[in-house]
């Protein structure tokens, strides 16, 4: 092919590839494939590479020939679709950046911000092309649209898979098909979040078969319960089930639907199965409907525990068994009692008990938390503080704002506190190196 012919051919293919139309892009790709000319792929992929995050990036200030040097945010899905297809069909002897040669691609990070405009068929073809990269170790897809293609099962070497849809709107609750994970036996990290779907037991049980999982995030999915099979994930160290609808009671809920139809759900207390995940180091159950968590006492390797925004009225004494715990977040509950066993958490560095409007006191044993650096007591109904707070030598941050302190009660450290200013003066004196929030 002469230079003149090459230039004309590249211009023709670009007209297809630069359209916001997946069918037109497919036509351009087929034309490039049929010619099977390395120089065409070199002209269209010039300046492009894949960075450490797995994202396609264009060399800053690139002057040579390439598919495009400018694009609007809303058109990136089309541009990246064209680029990934070009990469997947490029000849082995093509002279392009080493990071986008098919054999070298181990991580792909795809942002699909125009997904609501994509038809199911086109979206599947978008992701199906990834099955050509069988050596992929990591895949991130932001903008999962309706269905997860079965071809993902062909990525048997993959260790990290992240599927989320922060940019999706108007997706029906039944639009996500059964998750095709059964062959991904090497998977160590799985995140599925912000996908509006009806999460039945079949989908969740399929995840419980991934026995090599070390990190699992299932967030913002409206999950009402988890299967007992989750107890088989014995290697898991980090589990995030935040922003779901998990409950810890056996009960039946009935509500009315359109045309006066009745719907019933039987909620089972399945959350206790998590007590068998004894290797867990990080557990996030924020924003669910939990009322009791005695079972967490079995998780003796926990270093991080987030129970914010649930329906808890007390923290169980079993919390004292978590000797490795460094972070405990229990804000935005209905807690009215903190057990003395909390003082046994000798490695605790951060404690957030804020926004528990029925909490009136703290146990004096809190001063045993010698590693504590951050203590948030904001917006409770505390009438006093534990004595000898000055023993918390490592405390860097303390928030005592919006409480109901009985100012006349404090007489420690030669201070008789009779008002808010007196409390402020006392705390600043006994904790001179601590940032203190009063109001």
Protein backbone atom coordinates (compact mmCIF):
# COMPACT_ATOMS: atom_id res chain seq x y z
CA UNK A 1 0.00 0.00 0.00
CA UNK A 2 1.45 3.38 -1.02
CA UNK A 3 1.60 6.33 1.38
CA UNK A 4 -1.17 8.05 -0.54
CA UNK A 5 -3.38 4.96 -0.41
CA UNK A 6 -2.61 4.51 3.27
CA UNK A 7 -3.54 8.09 4.07
CA UNK A 8 -6.85 7.83 2.19
CA UNK A 9 -7.67 4.52 3.88
CA UNK A 10 -6.92 5.86 7.37
CA UNK A 11 -9.10 8.93 6.73
CA UNK A 12 -11.94 6.66 5.58
CA UNK A 13 -11.69 4.39 8.62
CA UNK A 14 -11.50 7.38 10.98
CA UNK A 15 -14.84 8.65 9.66
CA UNK A 16 -16.42 5.48 11.00
CA UNK A 17 -14.43 5.19 14.23
CA UNK A 18 -15.01 8.79 15.37
CA UNK A 19 -18.80 8.59 15.23
CA UNK A 20 -20.97 8.26 18.33
CA UNK A 21 -22.52 5.17 16.82
CA UNK A 22 -21.35 1.68 17.77
CA UNK A 23 -22.58 0.19 14.50
CA UNK A 24 -20.52 2.72 12.55
CA UNK A 25 -17.49 1.99 14.74
CA UNK A 26 -17.93 -1.75 14.13
CA UNK A 27 -17.93 -1.05 10.40
CA UNK A 28 -14.63 0.84 10.69
CA UNK A 29 -13.10 -1.95 12.76
CA UNK A 30 -14.14 -4.59 10.23
CA UNK A 31 -12.60 -2.51 7.44
CA UNK A 32 -9.29 -2.28 9.34
CA UNK A 33 -9.36 -6.01 10.11
CA UNK A 34 -10.04 -6.95 6.50
CA UNK A 35 -7.03 -4.97 5.27
CA UNK A 36 -4.79 -6.46 7.98
CA UNK A 37 -2.19 -3.78 7.34
CA UNK A 38 0.08 -2.98 10.35
CA UNK A 39 0.57 0.60 9.14
CA UNK A 40 -3.17 1.29 9.52
CA UNK A 41 -3.17 0.20 13.16
CA UNK A 42 0.02 2.16 13.77
CA UNK A 43 -1.62 5.31 12.40
CA UNK A 44 -4.74 4.86 14.52
CA UNK A 45 -3.03 3.82 17.77
CA UNK A 46 -0.10 6.22 17.63
CA UNK A 47 0.61 7.94 20.95
CA UNK A 48 -1.67 5.67 22.98
CA UNK A 49 -0.58 3.55 25.94
CA UNK A 50 -2.01 1.90 29.06
CA UNK A 51 -0.95 3.39 32.41
CA UNK A 52 -0.39 1.61 35.72
CA UNK A 53 -4.10 1.92 36.55
CA UNK A 54 -5.04 0.06 33.36
CA UNK A 55 -6.45 3.18 31.68
CA UNK A 56 -5.93 4.15 28.06
CA UNK A 57 -4.01 7.45 27.89
CA UNK A 58 -2.72 9.61 25.05
CA UNK A 59 0.83 10.90 25.28
CA UNK A 60 0.77 14.53 26.35
CA UNK A 61 1.54 16.83 23.43
CA UNK A 62 1.59 13.97 20.93
CA UNK A 63 2.14 15.36 17.41
CA UNK A 64 1.92 12.22 15.27
CA UNK A 65 -0.92 10.44 13.51
CA UNK A 66 -3.58 8.86 15.73
CA UNK A 67 -7.32 8.15 15.91
CA UNK A 68 -8.13 11.35 17.81
CA UNK A 69 -6.44 13.88 20.06
CA UNK A 70 -9.59 15.53 21.44
CA UNK A 71 -12.84 14.14 22.79
CA UNK A 72 -15.66 15.23 25.07
CA UNK A 73 -16.26 13.32 28.31
CA UNK A 74 -19.57 11.99 27.04
CA UNK A 75 -17.92 10.57 23.91
CA UNK A 76 -15.16 8.67 25.72
CA UNK A 77 -17.14 5.42 25.71
CA UNK A 78 -17.13 5.46 21.91
CA UNK A 79 -13.48 6.46 21.64
CA UNK A 80 -12.34 3.76 24.06
CA UNK A 81 -14.57 1.18 22.35
CA UNK A 82 -12.80 1.92 19.08
CA UNK A 83 -9.36 1.86 20.71
CA UNK A 84 -9.87 -1.42 22.56
CA UNK A 85 -11.12 -3.04 19.36
CA UNK A 86 -8.13 -1.76 17.42
CA UNK A 87 -5.82 -3.13 20.10
CA UNK A 88 -7.56 -6.51 20.15
CA UNK A 89 -7.28 -6.95 16.38
CA UNK A 90 -3.87 -5.37 15.80
CA UNK A 91 -1.34 -7.68 14.05
CA UNK A 92 1.45 -9.15 16.14
CA UNK A 93 4.11 -7.30 14.17
CA UNK A 94 2.54 -3.84 14.58
CA UNK A 95 4.84 -1.03 15.79
CA UNK A 96 2.87 0.47 18.70
CA UNK A 97 3.56 1.17 22.36
CA UNK A 98 4.48 -2.05 24.17
CA UNK A 99 1.81 -1.47 26.82
CA UNK A 100 -1.02 -1.78 24.29
CA UNK A 101 0.25 -4.88 22.56
CA UNK A 102 -2.33 -7.55 23.26
CA UNK A 103 0.13 -10.05 24.75
CA UNK A 104 1.35 -7.50 27.32
CA UNK A 105 -2.00 -6.29 28.67
CA UNK A 106 -2.54 -7.54 32.21
CA UNK A 107 -4.82 -4.78 33.52
CA UNK A 108 -7.75 -2.99 31.88
CA UNK A 109 -9.71 -0.11 33.40
CA UNK A 110 -12.76 0.88 31.36
CA UNK A 111 -15.01 3.87 32.04
CA UNK A 112 -18.37 3.67 30.26
CA UNK A 113 -19.97 7.01 31.05
CA UNK A 114 -22.48 6.97 28.19
CA UNK A 115 -23.85 3.55 29.05
CA UNK A 116 -27.55 4.62 29.18
CA UNK A 117 -27.35 5.20 25.41
CA UNK A 118 -25.86 1.79 24.69
CA UNK A 119 -28.10 -1.02 23.54
CA UNK A 120 -27.68 -4.35 25.30
CA UNK A 121 -26.20 -5.93 22.19
CA UNK A 122 -23.60 -3.23 21.67
CA UNK A 123 -22.62 -3.22 25.31
CA UNK A 124 -22.08 -6.97 25.27
CA UNK A 125 -19.91 -6.66 22.18
CA UNK A 126 -17.98 -3.91 23.98
CA UNK A 127 -17.07 -6.28 26.80
CA UNK A 128 -16.87 -9.45 24.75
CA UNK A 129 -13.76 -8.15 23.01
CA UNK A 130 -12.03 -8.35 26.41
CA UNK A 131 -12.25 -12.12 26.16
CA UNK A 132 -9.41 -11.82 23.65
CA UNK A 133 -7.13 -10.76 26.50
CA UNK A 134 -7.10 -14.11 28.27
CA UNK A 135 -3.96 -13.19 30.21
CA UNK A 136 -5.73 -10.32 32.04
CA UNK A 137 -5.03 -10.26 35.77
CA UNK A 138 -7.12 -7.21 36.62
CA UNK A 139 -10.31 -5.77 35.07
CA UNK A 140 -12.18 -2.64 36.19
CA UNK A 141 -15.42 -1.70 34.44
CA UNK A 142 -17.10 1.50 35.65
CA UNK A 143 -20.48 1.72 33.98
CA UNK A 144 -21.76 -1.87 33.86
CA UNK A 145 -24.94 -1.76 31.81
CA UNK A 146 -27.74 -4.20 32.46
CA UNK A 147 -25.90 -7.48 31.91
CA UNK A 148 -22.50 -8.93 32.63
CA UNK A 149 -21.49 -10.97 29.58
CA UNK A 150 -20.75 -14.65 30.04
CA UNK A 151 -17.48 -14.14 28.15
CA UNK A 152 -15.94 -12.79 31.36
CA UNK A 153 -15.74 -16.45 32.39
CA UNK A 154 -13.03 -16.89 29.77
CA UNK A 155 -10.70 -14.64 31.78
CA UNK A 156 -9.58 -17.56 33.91
CA UNK A 157 -6.29 -15.92 34.95
CA UNK A 158 -7.97 -12.86 36.39
CA UNK A 159 -7.29 -12.06 40.05
CA UNK A 160 -9.07 -8.73 40.46
CA UNK A 161 -12.51 -7.88 39.01
CA UNK A 162 -14.34 -4.62 39.76
CA UNK A 163 -17.79 -3.97 38.29
CA UNK A 164 -19.65 -0.79 39.21
CA UNK A 165 -22.11 1.62 37.69
CA UNK A 166 -21.81 5.02 39.33
CA UNK A 167 -22.86 6.62 36.03
CA UNK A 168 -25.98 4.54 35.41
CA UNK A 169 -29.54 5.75 35.58
CA UNK A 170 -32.93 4.16 34.97
CA UNK A 171 -31.71 0.59 35.12
CA UNK A 172 -34.41 -1.86 36.18
CA UNK A 173 -33.97 -4.05 39.27
CA UNK A 174 -34.09 -7.27 37.27
CA UNK A 175 -31.75 -6.21 34.48
CA UNK A 176 -28.60 -7.86 35.80
CA UNK A 177 -28.29 -11.47 34.79
CA UNK A 178 -26.75 -14.23 36.88
CA UNK A 179 -23.12 -13.37 37.49
CA UNK A 180 -20.79 -15.53 35.37
CA UNK A 181 -18.06 -16.12 37.93
CA UNK A 182 -17.94 -19.90 38.25
CA UNK A 183 -14.71 -20.30 36.24
CA UNK A 184 -12.83 -17.45 37.89
CA UNK A 185 -11.21 -19.68 40.46
CA UNK A 186 -8.08 -17.53 40.69
CA UNK A 187 -10.08 -14.46 41.69
CA UNK A 188 -8.71 -12.82 44.84
CA UNK A 189 -10.55 -9.48 44.69
CA UNK A 190 -14.15 -8.93 43.60
CA UNK A 191 -16.13 -5.70 43.78
CA UNK A 192 -19.69 -5.32 42.52
CA UNK A 193 -21.27 -2.03 43.51
CA UNK A 194 -23.99 0.46 42.58
CA UNK A 195 -25.72 -1.96 40.22
CA UNK A 196 -29.48 -1.91 40.67
CA UNK A 197 -30.40 -5.55 40.66
CA UNK A 198 -32.53 -8.14 42.39
CA UNK A 199 -29.85 -10.02 44.29
CA UNK A 200 -31.26 -13.49 44.72
CA UNK A 201 -29.54 -16.30 46.60
CA UNK A 202 -28.37 -17.97 43.39
CA UNK A 203 -26.21 -14.98 42.50
CA UNK A 204 -24.69 -14.74 45.96
CA UNK A 205 -24.09 -18.48 46.30
CA UNK A 206 -22.11 -18.38 43.04
CA UNK A 207 -19.74 -15.91 44.73
CA UNK A 208 -19.31 -18.17 47.75
CA UNK A 209 -17.61 -20.72 45.47
CA UNK A 210 -14.66 -18.38 44.87
CA UNK A 211 -12.57 -19.85 47.64
CA UNK A 212 -9.43 -17.84 46.84
CA UNK A 213 -11.17 -14.52 47.51
CA UNK A 214 -9.30 -12.26 49.89
CA UNK A 215 -11.29 -9.07 49.28
CA UNK A 216 -15.03 -8.90 48.55
CA UNK A 217 -17.08 -5.71 48.12
CA UNK A 218 -20.81 -5.99 47.50
CA UNK A 219 -22.02 -2.45 48.17
CA UNK A 220 -25.13 -0.43 47.21
CA UNK A 221 -26.91 -3.50 45.87
CA UNK A 222 -30.04 -3.68 48.08
CA UNK A 223 -29.02 -7.15 49.32
CA UNK A 224 -31.53 -8.25 52.00
CA UNK A 225 -29.64 -11.30 53.28
CA UNK A 226 -26.56 -13.38 52.64
CA UNK A 227 -26.31 -17.14 52.11
CA UNK A 228 -24.86 -19.40 54.79
CA UNK A 229 -22.38 -20.54 52.12
CA UNK A 230 -20.47 -17.29 52.69
CA UNK A 231 -18.95 -19.06 55.68
CA UNK A 232 -16.90 -21.09 53.17
CA UNK A 233 -14.89 -18.01 52.15
CA UNK A 234 -12.26 -18.87 54.74
CA UNK A 235 -9.43 -16.96 53.04
CA UNK A 236 -11.22 -13.64 52.92
CA UNK A 237 -9.57 -10.77 54.81
CA UNK A 238 -11.64 -7.77 53.72
CA UNK A 239 -15.43 -7.78 53.41
CA UNK A 240 -17.60 -4.77 52.55
CA UNK A 241 -21.38 -5.26 52.60
CA UNK A 242 -22.20 -1.60 53.21
CA UNK A 243 -25.28 0.24 51.95
CA UNK A 244 -27.52 -2.79 51.57
CA UNK A 245 -30.66 -3.97 53.37
CA UNK A 246 -29.17 -6.65 55.61
CA UNK A 247 -31.17 -7.60 58.70
CA UNK A 248 -30.50 -9.86 61.65
CA UNK A 249 -34.00 -11.02 62.51
CA UNK A 250 -36.27 -13.74 61.17
CA UNK A 251 -39.33 -11.86 60.04
CA UNK A 252 -41.81 -11.49 57.20
CA UNK A 253 -42.45 -8.20 55.42
CA UNK A 254 -45.53 -7.62 53.25
CA UNK A 255 -46.27 -4.53 51.21
CA UNK A 256 -48.64 -3.43 48.49
CA UNK A 257 -47.66 -2.98 44.86
CA UNK A 258 -49.36 -1.68 41.71
CA UNK A 259 -52.89 -2.91 41.05
CA UNK A 260 -53.20 -3.74 44.79
CA UNK A 261 -50.84 -6.71 44.41
CA UNK A 262 -49.22 -7.99 47.61
CA UNK A 263 -45.51 -8.78 47.92
CA UNK A 264 -43.92 -10.78 50.73
CA UNK A 265 -40.29 -11.25 51.77
CA UNK A 266 -39.08 -13.65 54.46
CA UNK A 267 -35.97 -12.15 56.05
CA UNK A 268 -33.64 -14.70 57.64
CA UNK A 269 -31.01 -14.05 60.27
CA UNK A 270 -28.16 -15.12 58.00
CA UNK A 271 -25.72 -12.40 59.01
CA UNK A 272 -24.37 -14.66 61.78
CA UNK A 273 -22.69 -16.84 59.18
CA UNK A 274 -20.03 -14.11 58.96
CA UNK A 275 -18.86 -15.18 62.42
CA UNK A 276 -17.08 -18.12 60.76
CA UNK A 277 -14.83 -15.85 58.68
CA UNK A 278 -12.13 -15.95 61.33
CA UNK A 279 -9.42 -14.54 59.05
CA UNK A 280 -11.30 -11.28 58.47
CA UNK A 281 -9.22 -8.17 59.14
CA UNK A 282 -11.59 -5.54 57.78
CA UNK A 283 -15.40 -5.61 57.96
CA UNK A 284 -17.72 -2.86 56.72
CA UNK A 285 -21.44 -3.24 57.47
CA UNK A 286 -22.29 0.46 57.32
CA UNK A 287 -25.85 1.49 56.38
CA UNK A 288 -27.84 -1.70 56.88
CA UNK A 289 -30.62 -2.62 59.32
CA UNK A 290 -28.70 -4.54 61.99
CA UNK A 291 -29.87 -4.52 65.60
CA UNK A 292 -27.40 -6.89 67.29
CA UNK A 293 -23.84 -7.94 66.54
CA UNK A 294 -22.72 -10.26 69.35
CA UNK A 295 -21.24 -12.60 66.76
CA UNK A 296 -18.45 -10.14 65.89
CA UNK A 297 -16.64 -11.32 69.01
CA UNK A 298 -15.58 -14.41 67.04
CA UNK A 299 -13.63 -12.33 64.52
CA UNK A 300 -10.48 -12.05 66.59
CA UNK A 301 -8.29 -10.90 63.69
CA UNK A 302 -10.38 -7.81 62.96
CA UNK A 303 -8.46 -4.56 62.71
CA UNK A 304 -11.25 -2.42 61.20
CA UNK A 305 -14.98 -2.58 62.02
CA UNK A 306 -17.60 -0.19 60.63
CA UNK A 307 -21.13 -0.51 62.00
CA UNK A 308 -22.27 3.05 61.27
CA UNK A 309 -25.88 3.83 60.35
CA UNK A 310 -27.61 0.69 61.60
CA UNK A 311 -30.26 0.14 64.29
CA UNK A 312 -27.95 -0.85 67.15
CA UNK A 313 -29.01 0.10 70.68
CA UNK A 314 -25.92 -1.26 72.41
CA UNK A 315 -22.45 -2.55 71.71
CA UNK A 316 -22.10 -6.13 73.02
CA UNK A 317 -19.53 -6.98 75.68
CA UNK A 318 -18.05 -9.43 73.15
CA UNK A 319 -16.41 -6.42 71.48
CA UNK A 320 -13.69 -6.73 74.12
CA UNK A 321 -12.42 -9.92 72.46
CA UNK A 322 -11.18 -8.01 69.40
CA UNK A 323 -7.66 -7.46 70.69
CA UNK A 324 -6.30 -6.46 67.25
CA UNK A 325 -8.95 -3.84 66.50
CA UNK A 326 -7.55 -0.47 65.46
CA UNK A 327 -10.64 1.31 64.08
CA UNK A 328 -14.20 1.12 65.43
CA UNK A 329 -16.99 3.19 63.84
CA UNK A 330 -20.43 3.01 65.47
CA UNK A 331 -21.84 6.47 64.66
CA UNK A 332 -25.46 7.08 63.63
CA UNK A 333 -27.05 4.29 65.64
CA UNK A 334 -29.35 4.27 68.69
CA UNK A 335 -26.71 3.19 71.18
CA UNK A 336 -27.45 3.96 74.82
CA UNK A 337 -24.80 1.78 76.44
CA UNK A 338 -21.08 1.34 75.91
CA UNK A 339 -19.71 -1.75 77.70
CA UNK A 340 -16.71 -1.54 80.03
CA UNK A 341 -15.12 -4.25 77.86
CA UNK A 342 -14.43 -1.56 75.28
CA UNK A 343 -11.45 -0.63 77.46
CA UNK A 344 -9.78 -3.94 76.54
CA UNK A 345 -9.15 -2.83 72.95
CA UNK A 346 -5.53 -2.04 73.67
CA UNK A 347 -4.61 -1.43 70.01
CA UNK A 348 -7.57 0.86 69.18
CA UNK A 349 -6.45 4.03 67.39
CA UNK A 350 -9.78 5.49 66.22
CA UNK A 351 -13.18 5.43 67.92
CA UNK A 352 -16.25 7.15 66.47
CA UNK A 353 -19.35 7.05 68.70
CA UNK A 354 -20.94 10.24 67.34
CA UNK A 355 -24.62 10.77 66.56
CA UNK A 356 -26.03 8.31 69.09
CA UNK A 357 -28.67 10.56 70.57
CA UNK A 358 -29.54 8.30 73.52
CA UNK A 359 -25.99 7.90 74.81
CA UNK A 360 -25.55 9.75 78.12
CA UNK A 361 -22.30 8.36 79.52
CA UNK A 362 -19.07 6.55 78.72
CA UNK A 363 -17.29 3.95 80.86
CA UNK A 364 -14.21 5.18 82.73
CA UNK A 365 -12.37 2.21 81.19
CA UNK A 366 -12.06 4.22 77.99
CA UNK A 367 -8.88 5.73 79.45
CA UNK A 368 -7.26 2.28 79.03
CA UNK A 369 -7.15 2.85 75.26
CA UNK A 370 -3.53 3.93 75.35
CA UNK A 371 -3.10 3.87 71.54
CA UNK A 372 -6.18 6.02 70.87
CA UNK A 373 -5.48 8.91 68.49
CA UNK A 374 -8.98 9.98 67.40
CA UNK A 375 -12.12 10.08 69.54
CA UNK A 376 -15.39 11.43 68.12
CA UNK A 377 -18.17 11.98 70.68
CA UNK A 378 -20.13 14.55 68.68
CA UNK A 379 -23.92 14.91 69.04
CA UNK A 380 -24.70 12.46 71.82
CA UNK A 381 -26.39 13.30 75.14
CA UNK A 382 -23.28 12.98 77.27
CA UNK A 383 -23.60 14.71 80.64
CA UNK A 384 -20.00 14.11 81.66
CA UNK A 385 -16.69 12.70 80.46
CA UNK A 386 -14.54 9.96 81.96
CA UNK A 387 -12.03 11.20 84.49
CA UNK A 388 -8.30 11.13 83.79
CA UNK A 389 -8.60 11.75 80.05
CA UNK A 390 -5.08 13.07 80.34
CA UNK A 391 -3.93 9.42 80.36
CA UNK A 392 -4.76 9.23 76.66
CA UNK A 393 -1.24 10.38 75.79
CA UNK A 394 -1.53 9.72 72.03
CA UNK A 395 -4.87 11.48 71.52
CA UNK A 396 -4.60 13.89 68.56
CA UNK A 397 -8.29 14.66 67.91
CA UNK A 398 -11.30 14.93 70.23
CA UNK A 399 -14.81 16.11 69.28
CA UNK A 400 -17.14 16.75 72.23
CA UNK A 401 -19.50 19.17 70.47
CA UNK A 402 -23.30 19.11 70.70
CA UNK A 403 -23.67 17.20 73.97
CA UNK A 404 -25.48 17.90 77.27
CA UNK A 405 -22.62 18.32 79.72
CA UNK A 406 -23.29 19.01 83.40
CA UNK A 407 -20.60 21.66 83.62
CA UNK A 408 -20.57 21.94 87.40
CA UNK A 409 -19.46 18.35 87.89
CA UNK A 410 -15.83 18.63 86.77
CA UNK A 411 -13.29 19.29 89.48
CA UNK A 412 -10.29 17.29 88.22
CA UNK A 413 -6.85 18.81 87.68
CA UNK A 414 -7.65 21.69 90.07
CA UNK A 415 -10.47 22.95 87.84
CA UNK A 416 -14.00 23.47 88.95
CA UNK A 417 -15.91 23.66 85.72
CA UNK A 418 -19.12 25.64 85.87
CA UNK A 419 -19.72 26.44 82.19
CA UNK A 420 -18.69 25.54 78.67
CA UNK A 421 -15.68 27.81 78.75
CA UNK A 422 -14.50 26.04 81.88
CA UNK A 423 -14.79 22.65 80.16
CA UNK A 424 -12.85 23.99 77.22
CA UNK A 425 -10.14 25.39 79.50
CA UNK A 426 -9.84 22.15 81.43
CA UNK A 427 -9.59 19.91 78.36
CA UNK A 428 -7.05 22.18 76.70
CA UNK A 429 -4.91 22.05 79.83
CA UNK A 430 -4.95 18.28 80.34
CA UNK A 431 -4.73 17.53 76.58
CA UNK A 432 -2.40 20.29 75.32
CA UNK A 433 -1.39 18.43 72.14
CA UNK A 434 -4.93 17.45 71.10
CA UNK A 435 -7.13 19.20 68.54
CA UNK A 436 -10.43 19.62 70.41
CA UNK A 437 -13.79 20.48 68.84
CA UNK A 438 -16.18 22.06 71.37
CA UNK A 439 -19.02 23.71 69.51
